[in-house]
Every structure is written in C-alpha cells, then in structure tokens.
C-alpha cells in the first residue's frame, strides 16, 4: 500500500458537518441576537461557518464571526475573521456560540497509510476523544457567561467519557441531534455553563 500524498487537502463536509450545521442553525433561530460572537473551531473547508454566515445574513443579524484552524486559512465568506490556532492557543476573547466538529476516530494500525494532514483531519487520538478532551479543558475560558458550545462526537470516540469530562468542568450537557449509521452514531451535544 502507498501513503496518500494529500498534505494540503481540507476536510470535506460529510454527514457529521451537515448534522452540526443543522443543529447550529436551529440553535441560532431560537437564540441569535445582534452582535452575537460565533467561533467555528477547526473550520477545515469553512463549510460550517459559511452556513452560519448565510443563516444570519438571511435574518439580517449582524454577528462577529470567527473561524480557526491549525491549518492555513481556507476560503471564507466575507466578514469572517480567521485565526490560525491549535485549539484556543491563539484565540482571544469569549464567544456566545462555539462550534466544534473535531477529528474523532480512534487510532488504528491502518493510519500509517494516511498522509499526516489526512490523519490530523480524522484521528482524535488513541481512543478518538483526546483532542476533544483538550478542547473541553480550554473551552470555559472562551465561553461567554450565557454562551453555548455545540460539539459533535461519535459513538466510536467514547462520548460518555467526553460528556462526563464536560460536566466535571462545570458544564451542563444535553444531546440535541443525532444520526445513526451502520458503523457509528453521530451526536451533537449542547454544552453551557451551570446557572
């Protein structure tokens, strides 16, 4: 087998991206207000923040939209600011809505055939949730007092451990969307501060 040579490729939207975007648009329909600050963490192709920008523009809501990624800036809609960052390392301020569709697949011996960039887009660590747990550790410092995080995860990435970790950080967690496939169940969890 040959290692793939797609070092500069971007994560293209799949079922997980659509599920998270739909949950975010639904949340925004009920909660968006003028001046809302939104961060799309690990933006990849920019698909989710583009959908958010379109949804808010249709409703004439002015927002401060941010996208971040460890990779170079993708093509983003006008008005979306970008910061290159490893999770929150270069992100400043607090956000009303933080979206994250992290790499969540557990490491597998077949990963040695993936190019580094492709592996980084798919694999979340030995168990699949290590990157997500790092994200959660940093999230409270960047979540506005009434802020919300919508986090996508998979049944293959120990979602119970992930949600328990979020609760241990003082966050309230509820499942707001999900979809089952033959090999996994994708879930979107809404996380907010305890009141």
C-alpha atoms as a PDB file:
ATOM      1  CA  UNK A   1       0.000   0.000   0.000  1.00  0.00           C
ATOM      2  CA  UNK A   2       1.102   3.548  -0.691  1.00  0.00           C
ATOM      3  CA  UNK A   3       0.847   6.585   1.564  1.00  0.00           C
ATOM      4  CA  UNK A   4      -1.521   9.171   0.122  1.00  0.00           C
ATOM      5  CA  UNK A   5       0.106  12.457  -0.870  1.00  0.00           C
ATOM      6  CA  UNK A   6      -2.676  14.913   0.027  1.00  0.00           C
ATOM      7  CA  UNK A   7      -0.842  17.046   2.566  1.00  0.00           C
ATOM      8  CA  UNK A   8      -2.679  20.274   1.594  1.00  0.00           C
ATOM      9  CA  UNK A   9      -6.185  18.781   1.360  1.00  0.00           C
ATOM     10  CA  UNK A  10      -9.031  20.023   3.553  1.00  0.00           C
ATOM     11  CA  UNK A  11     -11.639  18.046   5.397  1.00  0.00           C
ATOM     12  CA  UNK A  12     -14.626  17.998   3.082  1.00  0.00           C
ATOM     13  CA  UNK A  13     -18.119  18.149   4.574  1.00  0.00           C
ATOM     14  CA  UNK A  14     -19.739  14.817   5.356  1.00  0.00           C
ATOM     15  CA  UNK A  15     -22.705  13.664   7.422  1.00  0.00           C
ATOM     16  CA  UNK A  16     -21.061  14.986  10.572  1.00  0.00           C
ATOM     17  CA  UNK A  17     -20.660  18.504   9.146  1.00  0.00           C
ATOM     18  CA  UNK A  18     -24.283  18.644   7.984  1.00  0.00           C
ATOM     19  CA  UNK A  19     -25.536  17.384  11.355  1.00  0.00           C
ATOM     20  CA  UNK A  20     -23.571  20.039  13.257  1.00  0.00           C
ATOM     21  CA  UNK A  21     -24.565  22.822  10.867  1.00  0.00           C
ATOM     22  CA  UNK A  22     -28.259  21.918  11.107  1.00  0.00           C
ATOM     23  CA  UNK A  23     -28.064  21.886  14.916  1.00  0.00           C
ATOM     24  CA  UNK A  24     -26.295  25.260  14.881  1.00  0.00           C
ATOM     25  CA  UNK A  25     -28.833  26.879  12.543  1.00  0.00           C
ATOM     26  CA  UNK A  26     -31.668  25.569  14.717  1.00  0.00           C
ATOM     27  CA  UNK A  27     -29.967  26.981  17.829  1.00  0.00           C
ATOM     28  CA  UNK A  28     -29.407  30.337  16.111  1.00  0.00           C
ATOM     29  CA  UNK A  29     -33.058  30.535  15.020  1.00  0.00           C
ATOM     30  CA  UNK A  30     -34.032  30.472  18.685  1.00  0.00           C
ATOM     31  CA  UNK A  31     -31.119  32.374  20.248  1.00  0.00           C
ATOM     32  CA  UNK A  32     -29.359  34.674  17.774  1.00  0.00           C
ATOM     33  CA  UNK A  33     -29.209  38.364  18.596  1.00  0.00           C
ATOM     34  CA  UNK A  34     -27.461  41.368  17.125  1.00  0.00           C
ATOM     35  CA  UNK A  35     -23.729  41.309  17.844  1.00  0.00           C
ATOM     36  CA  UNK A  36     -23.538  37.588  18.639  1.00  0.00           C
ATOM     37  CA  UNK A  37     -19.960  36.238  18.628  1.00  0.00           C
ATOM     38  CA  UNK A  38     -19.557  32.843  16.949  1.00  0.00           C
ATOM     39  CA  UNK A  39     -16.410  30.691  16.666  1.00  0.00           C
ATOM     40  CA  UNK A  40     -16.090  27.709  14.328  1.00  0.00           C
ATOM     41  CA  UNK A  41     -13.184  25.780  15.842  1.00  0.00           C
ATOM     42  CA  UNK A  42     -11.274  23.560  13.406  1.00  0.00           C
ATOM     43  CA  UNK A  43     -13.096  25.106  10.463  1.00  0.00           C
ATOM     44  CA  UNK A  44     -11.491  22.882   7.809  1.00  0.00           C
ATOM     45  CA  UNK A  45     -13.086  23.870   4.497  1.00  0.00           C
ATOM     46  CA  UNK A  46     -15.139  26.628   6.155  1.00  0.00           C
ATOM     47  CA  UNK A  47     -18.403  24.826   5.355  1.00  0.00           C
ATOM     48  CA  UNK A  48     -19.996  25.314   8.778  1.00  0.00           C
ATOM     49  CA  UNK A  49     -19.097  28.982   9.264  1.00  0.00           C
ATOM     50  CA  UNK A  50     -20.275  29.653   5.705  1.00  0.00           C
ATOM     51  CA  UNK A  51     -23.657  28.119   6.562  1.00  0.00           C
ATOM     52  CA  UNK A  52     -23.815  30.149   9.769  1.00  0.00           C
ATOM     53  CA  UNK A  53     -22.980  33.371   7.906  1.00  0.00           C
ATOM     54  CA  UNK A  54     -25.710  32.687   5.345  1.00  0.00           C
ATOM     55  CA  UNK A  55     -28.297  31.872   8.008  1.00  0.00           C
ATOM     56  CA  UNK A  56     -27.572  35.033   9.988  1.00  0.00           C
ATOM     57  CA  UNK A  57     -27.484  37.215   6.849  1.00  0.00           C
ATOM     58  CA  UNK A  58     -30.910  35.915   5.764  1.00  0.00           C
ATOM     59  CA  UNK A  59     -32.283  37.091   9.104  1.00  0.00           C
ATOM     60  CA  UNK A  60     -30.338  40.385   8.974  1.00  0.00           C
ATOM     61  CA  UNK A  61     -28.455  39.629  12.165  1.00  0.00           C
ATOM     62  CA  UNK A  62     -25.074  41.319  12.455  1.00  0.00           C
ATOM     63  CA  UNK A  63     -22.600  38.968  14.041  1.00  0.00           C
ATOM     64  CA  UNK A  64     -18.912  38.714  14.795  1.00  0.00           C
ATOM     65  CA  UNK A  65     -17.920  35.507  13.045  1.00  0.00           C
ATOM     66  CA  UNK A  66     -14.614  33.738  13.603  1.00  0.00           C
ATOM     67  CA  UNK A  67     -13.083  30.599  12.164  1.00  0.00           C
ATOM     68  CA  UNK A  68      -9.959  28.917  13.439  1.00  0.00           C
ATOM     69  CA  UNK A  69      -7.903  26.002  12.266  1.00  0.00           C
ATOM     70  CA  UNK A  70      -4.445  24.590  12.823  1.00  0.00           C
ATOM     71  CA  UNK A  71      -4.004  24.631   9.039  1.00  0.00           C
ATOM     72  CA  UNK A  72      -3.828  27.572   6.677  1.00  0.00           C
ATOM     73  CA  UNK A  73      -6.809  29.822   6.091  1.00  0.00           C
ATOM     74  CA  UNK A  74      -9.479  28.338   3.818  1.00  0.00           C
ATOM     75  CA  UNK A  75     -11.668  30.422   1.528  1.00  0.00           C
ATOM     76  CA  UNK A  76     -14.157  32.037   3.900  1.00  0.00           C
ATOM     77  CA  UNK A  77     -17.192  34.232   3.377  1.00  0.00           C
ATOM     78  CA  UNK A  78     -16.764  37.987   3.569  1.00  0.00           C
ATOM     79  CA  UNK A  79     -16.903  39.193   7.141  1.00  0.00           C
ATOM     80  CA  UNK A  80     -15.500  36.050   8.745  1.00  0.00           C
ATOM     81  CA  UNK A  81     -12.245  36.581  10.631  1.00  0.00           C
ATOM     82  CA  UNK A  82      -9.681  33.777  10.713  1.00  0.00           C
ATOM     83  CA  UNK A  83      -7.048  32.863  13.257  1.00  0.00           C
ATOM     84  CA  UNK A  84      -4.568  30.031  12.791  1.00  0.00           C
ATOM     85  CA  UNK A  85      -4.544  28.208  16.094  1.00  0.00           C
ATOM     86  CA  UNK A  86      -4.048  24.868  17.813  1.00  0.00           C
ATOM     87  CA  UNK A  87      -7.420  24.789  19.549  1.00  0.00           C
ATOM     88  CA  UNK A  88      -7.622  28.019  21.609  1.00  0.00           C
ATOM     89  CA  UNK A  89      -3.866  28.767  21.728  1.00  0.00           C
ATOM     90  CA  UNK A  90      -4.174  31.876  19.516  1.00  0.00           C
ATOM     91  CA  UNK A  91      -7.879  32.597  20.032  1.00  0.00           C
ATOM     92  CA  UNK A  92      -8.739  35.553  22.246  1.00  0.00           C
ATOM     93  CA  UNK A  93     -11.971  36.608  23.875  1.00  0.00           C
ATOM     94  CA  UNK A  94     -15.220  34.921  24.752  1.00  0.00           C
ATOM     95  CA  UNK A  95     -17.899  33.630  22.408  1.00  0.00           C
ATOM     96  CA  UNK A  96     -21.656  33.233  22.572  1.00  0.00           C
ATOM     97  CA  UNK A  97     -21.534  30.145  20.374  1.00  0.00           C
ATOM     98  CA  UNK A  98     -18.587  27.809  19.823  1.00  0.00           C
ATOM     99  CA  UNK A  99     -18.900  25.038  17.236  1.00  0.00           C
ATOM    100  CA  UNK A 100     -16.516  22.099  17.007  1.00  0.00           C
ATOM    101  CA  UNK A 101     -16.510  19.075  14.711  1.00  0.00           C
ATOM    102  CA  UNK A 102     -13.230  17.548  15.864  1.00  0.00           C
ATOM    103  CA  UNK A 103     -11.320  14.625  14.440  1.00  0.00           C
ATOM    104  CA  UNK A 104     -12.852  11.781  16.442  1.00  0.00           C
ATOM    105  CA  UNK A 105     -11.753   8.454  15.020  1.00  0.00           C
ATOM    106  CA  UNK A 106      -9.586   6.280  17.276  1.00  0.00           C
ATOM    107  CA  UNK A 107      -6.082   5.473  16.072  1.00  0.00           C
ATOM    108  CA  UNK A 108      -5.812   2.284  14.043  1.00  0.00           C
ATOM    109  CA  UNK A 109      -2.880   0.403  12.561  1.00  0.00           C
ATOM    110  CA  UNK A 110      -4.160   1.330   9.078  1.00  0.00           C
ATOM    111  CA  UNK A 111      -3.480   5.015   9.884  1.00  0.00           C
ATOM    112  CA  UNK A 112       0.137   4.537   8.853  1.00  0.00           C
ATOM    113  CA  UNK A 113      -1.106   4.650   5.247  1.00  0.00           C
ATOM    114  CA  UNK A 114      -2.634   8.105   5.692  1.00  0.00           C
ATOM    115  CA  UNK A 115      -0.750  11.294   4.926  1.00  0.00           C
ATOM    116  CA  UNK A 116      -0.150  13.399   8.057  1.00  0.00           C
ATOM    117  CA  UNK A 117      -2.715  16.033   7.042  1.00  0.00           C
ATOM    118  CA  UNK A 118      -5.388  13.427   6.413  1.00  0.00           C
ATOM    119  CA  UNK A 119      -4.665  11.695   9.719  1.00  0.00           C
ATOM    120  CA  UNK A 120      -4.939  15.036  11.542  1.00  0.00           C
ATOM    121  CA  UNK A 121      -8.370  15.597   9.968  1.00  0.00           C
ATOM    122  CA  UNK A 122      -9.749  12.233  11.046  1.00  0.00           C
ATOM    123  CA  UNK A 123      -7.959  10.821  14.099  1.00  0.00           C
ATOM    124  CA  UNK A 124      -8.667  12.310  17.517  1.00  0.00           C
ATOM    125  CA  UNK A 125      -6.090  10.265  19.431  1.00  0.00           C
ATOM    126  CA  UNK A 126      -5.622   6.672  20.616  1.00  0.00           C
ATOM    127  CA  UNK A 127      -9.248   6.467  21.860  1.00  0.00           C
ATOM    128  CA  UNK A 128     -10.593   9.113  19.472  1.00  0.00           C
ATOM    129  CA  UNK A 129     -11.578  11.683  22.103  1.00  0.00           C
ATOM    130  CA  UNK A 130      -8.218  13.010  23.329  1.00  0.00           C
ATOM    131  CA  UNK A 131      -8.342  16.138  21.152  1.00  0.00           C
ATOM    132  CA  UNK A 132     -11.941  16.745  22.241  1.00  0.00           C
ATOM    133  CA  UNK A 133     -10.956  16.482  25.914  1.00  0.00           C
ATOM    134  CA  UNK A 134      -8.161  19.053  25.369  1.00  0.00           C
ATOM    135  CA  UNK A 135     -10.713  21.325  23.688  1.00  0.00           C
ATOM    136  CA  UNK A 136     -13.097  20.975  26.637  1.00  0.00           C
ATOM    137  CA  UNK A 137     -10.332  21.819  29.122  1.00  0.00           C
ATOM    138  CA  UNK A 138      -9.825  25.149  27.333  1.00  0.00           C
ATOM    139  CA  UNK A 139     -13.468  25.912  26.492  1.00  0.00           C
ATOM    140  CA  UNK A 140     -14.616  27.526  29.783  1.00  0.00           C
ATOM    141  CA  UNK A 141     -12.105  30.376  29.374  1.00  0.00           C
ATOM    142  CA  UNK A 142     -13.628  31.253  25.997  1.00  0.00           C
ATOM    143  CA  UNK A 143     -17.327  30.643  26.605  1.00  0.00           C
ATOM    144  CA  UNK A 144     -19.339  33.786  27.401  1.00  0.00           C
ATOM    145  CA  UNK A 145     -21.344  33.649  30.665  1.00  0.00           C
ATOM    146  CA  UNK A 146     -24.505  32.696  28.741  1.00  0.00           C
ATOM    147  CA  UNK A 147     -22.535  31.010  25.963  1.00  0.00           C
ATOM    148  CA  UNK A 148     -23.177  27.679  24.305  1.00  0.00           C
ATOM    149  CA  UNK A 149     -20.958  25.107  22.658  1.00  0.00           C
ATOM    150  CA  UNK A 150     -22.239  22.656  20.069  1.00  0.00           C
ATOM    151  CA  UNK A 151     -19.857  19.703  19.920  1.00  0.00           C
ATOM    152  CA  UNK A 152     -20.095  16.807  17.502  1.00  0.00           C
ATOM    153  CA  UNK A 153     -18.906  13.397  18.593  1.00  0.00           C
ATOM    154  CA  UNK A 154     -19.189   9.774  17.557  1.00  0.00           C
ATOM    155  CA  UNK A 155     -20.072   6.579  19.361  1.00  0.00           C
ATOM    156  CA  UNK A 156     -16.600   5.286  18.402  1.00  0.00           C
ATOM    157  CA  UNK A 157     -14.957   8.108  20.413  1.00  0.00           C
ATOM    158  CA  UNK A 158     -16.222   7.373  23.940  1.00  0.00           C
ATOM    159  CA  UNK A 159     -18.975  10.022  24.124  1.00  0.00           C
ATOM    160  CA  UNK A 160     -19.877   9.092  27.718  1.00  0.00           C
ATOM    161  CA  UNK A 161     -16.336   9.872  28.860  1.00  0.00           C
ATOM    162  CA  UNK A 162     -16.445  13.139  26.909  1.00  0.00           C
ATOM    163  CA  UNK A 163     -19.740  14.279  28.410  1.00  0.00           C
ATOM    164  CA  UNK A 164     -18.657  13.310  31.945  1.00  0.00           C
ATOM    165  CA  UNK A 165     -15.498  15.360  31.449  1.00  0.00           C
ATOM    166  CA  UNK A 166     -17.578  18.352  30.361  1.00  0.00           C
ATOM    167  CA  UNK A 167     -19.774  18.010  33.458  1.00  0.00           C
ATOM    168  CA  UNK A 168     -16.662  17.853  35.667  1.00  0.00           C
ATOM    169  CA  UNK A 169     -15.689  21.246  34.182  1.00  0.00           C
ATOM    170  CA  UNK A 170     -18.983  22.784  35.321  1.00  0.00           C
ATOM    171  CA  UNK A 171     -20.837  22.461  32.038  1.00  0.00           C
ATOM    172  CA  UNK A 172     -24.403  21.293  31.533  1.00  0.00           C
ATOM    173  CA  UNK A 173     -24.646  18.809  28.672  1.00  0.00           C
ATOM    174  CA  UNK A 174     -27.602  17.711  26.586  1.00  0.00           C
ATOM    175  CA  UNK A 175     -27.907  15.825  23.335  1.00  0.00           C
ATOM    176  CA  UNK A 176     -29.648  17.973  20.700  1.00  0.00           C
ATOM    177  CA  UNK A 177     -29.156  15.993  17.479  1.00  0.00           C
ATOM    178  CA  UNK A 178     -28.081  12.579  16.346  1.00  0.00           C
ATOM    179  CA  UNK A 179     -27.944  10.240  13.409  1.00  0.00           C
ATOM    180  CA  UNK A 180     -27.123   6.543  13.239  1.00  0.00           C
ATOM    181  CA  UNK A 181     -25.063   4.769  10.613  1.00  0.00           C
ATOM    182  CA  UNK A 182     -24.067   1.098  10.341  1.00  0.00           C
ATOM    183  CA  UNK A 183     -20.650   1.794  11.890  1.00  0.00           C
ATOM    184  CA  UNK A 184     -21.350   4.642  14.355  1.00  0.00           C
ATOM    185  CA  UNK A 185     -23.831   7.058  15.858  1.00  0.00           C
ATOM    186  CA  UNK A 186     -23.070  10.750  15.460  1.00  0.00           C
ATOM    187  CA  UNK A 187     -24.319  13.094  18.180  1.00  0.00           C
ATOM    188  CA  UNK A 188     -24.317  16.830  18.718  1.00  0.00           C
ATOM    189  CA  UNK A 189     -24.091  17.875  22.349  1.00  0.00           C
ATOM    190  CA  UNK A 190     -25.090  21.307  23.578  1.00  0.00           C
ATOM    191  CA  UNK A 191     -22.861  22.467  26.432  1.00  0.00           C
ATOM    192  CA  UNK A 192     -23.409  25.539  28.568  1.00  0.00           C
ATOM    193  CA  UNK A 193     -22.403  26.834  31.961  1.00  0.00           C
ATOM    194  CA  UNK A 194     -24.374  25.809  35.031  1.00  0.00           C
ATOM    195  CA  UNK A 195     -26.723  28.594  36.090  1.00  0.00           C
END
